[in-house]
C-alpha atoms as a PDB file:
ATOM      1  CA  MET A   1      39.226  49.041 -19.678  1.00  0.00           C
ATOM      2  CA  GLY A   2      39.130  45.711 -18.755  1.00  0.00           C
ATOM      3  CA  ILE A   3      37.019  42.362 -18.876  1.00  0.00           C
ATOM      4  CA  PHE A   4      36.124  42.853 -14.939  1.00  0.00           C
ATOM      5  CA  ASP A   5      34.831  46.930 -15.794  1.00  0.00           C
ATOM      6  CA  ILE A   6      32.641  45.571 -18.289  1.00  0.00           C
ATOM      7  CA  ILE A   7      31.256  42.160 -17.065  1.00  0.00           C
ATOM      8  CA  PRO A   8      31.986  42.133 -12.452  1.00  0.00           C
ATOM      9  CA  PRO A   9      33.179  39.100 -10.944  1.00  0.00           C
ATOM     10  CA  VAL A  10      29.470  37.776  -9.492  1.00  0.00           C
ATOM     11  CA  ILE A  11      27.895  37.742 -12.782  1.00  0.00           C
ATOM     12  CA  GLY A  12      31.444  36.552 -14.841  1.00  0.00           C
ATOM     13  CA  VAL A  13      30.771  33.417 -12.513  1.00  0.00           C
ATOM     14  CA  ARG A  14      27.203  32.861 -12.946  1.00  0.00           C
ATOM     15  CA  ILE A  15      27.882  32.827 -16.644  1.00  0.00           C
ATOM     16  CA  LEU A  16      30.792  30.372 -15.913  1.00  0.00           C
ATOM     17  CA  PHE A  17      28.202  28.215 -14.270  1.00  0.00           C
ATOM     18  CA  ILE A  18      25.364  28.522 -16.136  1.00  0.00           C
ATOM     19  CA  LEU A  19      27.624  27.231 -19.561  1.00  0.00           C
ATOM     20  CA  GLY A  20      29.339  24.273 -17.452  1.00  0.00           C
ATOM     21  CA  ILE A  21      25.533  22.951 -17.728  1.00  0.00           C
ATOM     22  CA  VAL A  22      24.857  23.954 -21.203  1.00  0.00           C
ATOM     23  CA  ASN A  23      28.158  22.403 -21.562  1.00  0.00           C
ATOM     24  CA  LEU A  24      27.587  18.699 -19.435  1.00  0.00           C
ATOM     25  CA  VAL A  25      23.934  18.831 -21.933  1.00  0.00           C
ATOM     26  CA  THR A  26      24.868  19.737 -25.286  1.00  0.00           C
ATOM     27  CA  GLY A  27      27.602  16.904 -24.672  1.00  0.00           C
ATOM     28  CA  LEU A  28      25.599  14.049 -23.059  1.00  0.00           C
ATOM     29  CA  LEU A  29      22.692  15.195 -26.464  1.00  0.00           C
ATOM     30  CA  ILE A  30      26.117  14.221 -28.781  1.00  0.00           C
ATOM     31  CA  PHE A  31      26.649  11.879 -27.365  1.00  0.00           C
ATOM     32  CA  PHE A  32      23.683   9.565 -27.433  1.00  0.00           C
ATOM     33  CA  SER A  33      22.427  11.379 -30.401  1.00  0.00           C
ATOM     34  CA  CYS A  34      26.254  10.272 -32.329  1.00  0.00           C
ATOM     35  CA  ARG A  35      26.213   7.222 -34.209  1.00  0.00           C
ATOM     36  CA  CYS A  36      30.204   7.480 -34.615  1.00  0.00           C
ATOM     37  CA  ILE A  37      31.689   7.339 -31.603  1.00  0.00           C
ATOM     38  CA  PRO A  38      33.449   4.439 -29.972  1.00  0.00           C
ATOM     39  CA  GLY A  39      30.809   3.322 -27.094  1.00  0.00           C
ATOM     40  CA  ALA A  40      27.948   4.478 -28.160  1.00  0.00           C
ATOM     41  CA  ARG A  41      27.191   2.189 -30.986  1.00  0.00           C
ATOM     42  CA  ILE A  42      23.572   0.386 -29.589  1.00  0.00           C
ATOM     43  CA  MET A  43      22.592   4.326 -30.581  1.00  0.00           C
ATOM     44  CA  GLY A  44      22.570   2.861 -34.114  1.00  0.00           C
ATOM     45  CA  LYS A  45      20.527   0.280 -33.123  1.00  0.00           C
ATOM     46  CA  LEU A  46      17.636   2.240 -32.128  1.00  0.00           C
ATOM     47  CA  MET A  47      17.798   3.941 -35.312  1.00  0.00           C
ATOM     48  CA  LYS A  48      13.962   1.821 -35.681  1.00  0.00           C
ATOM     49  CA  TYR A  49      12.118   3.858 -33.593  1.00  0.00           C
ATOM     50  CA  SER A  50      10.680   7.411 -35.025  1.00  0.00           C
ATOM     51  CA  ALA A  51      11.474   8.814 -30.389  1.00  0.00           C
ATOM     52  CA  TYR A  52      15.256   8.095 -31.256  1.00  0.00           C
ATOM     53  CA  ARG A  53      14.865   9.731 -35.640  1.00  0.00           C
ATOM     54  CA  ARG A  54      13.232  12.611 -34.441  1.00  0.00           C
ATOM     55  CA  TYR A  55      15.736  13.547 -32.038  1.00  0.00           C
ATOM     56  CA  PHE A  56      19.137  12.883 -34.149  1.00  0.00           C
ATOM     57  CA  ARG A  57      17.783  14.704 -36.950  1.00  0.00           C
ATOM     58  CA  TYR A  58      18.266  18.430 -33.838  1.00  0.00           C
ATOM     59  CA  HIS A  59      21.545  16.495 -33.984  1.00  0.00           C
ATOM     60  CA  CYS A  60      23.564  19.354 -35.974  1.00  0.00           C
ATOM     61  CA  TYR A  61      22.254  21.731 -34.186  1.00  0.00           C
ATOM     62  CA  ILE A  62      23.065  20.502 -31.194  1.00  0.00           C
ATOM     63  CA  TRP A  63      26.497  20.978 -32.004  1.00  0.00           C
ATOM     64  CA  ARG A  64      25.596  24.554 -32.495  1.00  0.00           C
ATOM     65  CA  VAL A  65      25.160  25.454 -29.454  1.00  0.00           C
ATOM     66  CA  PHE A  66      27.740  23.030 -27.752  1.00  0.00           C
ATOM     67  CA  TRP A  67      30.978  24.912 -29.460  1.00  0.00           C
ATOM     68  CA  PRO A  68      30.676  28.692 -28.776  1.00  0.00           C
ATOM     69  CA  SER A  69      29.437  27.484 -25.112  1.00  0.00           C
ATOM     70  CA  VAL A  70      32.389  25.656 -24.893  1.00  0.00           C
ATOM     71  CA  ILE A  71      34.828  28.471 -26.045  1.00  0.00           C
ATOM     72  CA  VAL A  72      32.704  31.290 -23.790  1.00  0.00           C
ATOM     73  CA  HIS A  73      33.010  29.335 -21.476  1.00  0.00           C
ATOM     74  CA  ALA A  74      37.126  28.826 -21.844  1.00  0.00           C
ATOM     75  CA  ILE A  75      37.700  32.337 -22.157  1.00  0.00           C
ATOM     76  CA  ILE A  76      35.784  33.582 -19.332  1.00  0.00           C
ATOM     77  CA  ALA A  77      37.432  30.290 -17.622  1.00  0.00           C
ATOM     78  CA  ILE A  78      40.881  31.879 -18.234  1.00  0.00           C
ATOM     79  CA  VAL A  79      39.793  35.630 -17.521  1.00  0.00           C
ATOM     80  CA  TYR A  80      38.404  34.955 -13.971  1.00  0.00           C
ATOM     81  CA  VAL A  81      40.076  32.160 -13.309  1.00  0.00           C
ATOM     82  CA  GLY A  82      43.625  32.149 -14.786  1.00  0.00           C
ATOM     83  CA  ILE A  83      45.738  29.301 -16.093  1.00  0.00           C
ATOM     84  CA  PRO A  84      46.686  26.619 -13.636  1.00  0.00           C
ATOM     85  CA  PHE A  85      50.216  25.492 -15.040  1.00  0.00           C
END
C-alpha cells in the first residue's frame, strides 16, 4: 500500500498547491513581522504604531503554521514529483 493508494494524485496536487500558497503567505507575514532579517529594519520603526504591534504579537504563531506547512509541502512534492537530481 503506497502513498498513491491513500491520497489520489489529483488531491495530492491540490494539497501541494494550497500548501504552496500557505507557504508564500506565511513567509511574507513572517518577513514583514520580523525585525531581525536584514533589509526588514524598517519594520523596527513601525513598532510605534499600535496596529503593527498587534500584528507583531502573532509573529511566533505564524512560525507554527509556516514550518509544518513547509515540511508537509516538501514531503508531498518529493512523493509526487520526485527528486529532480
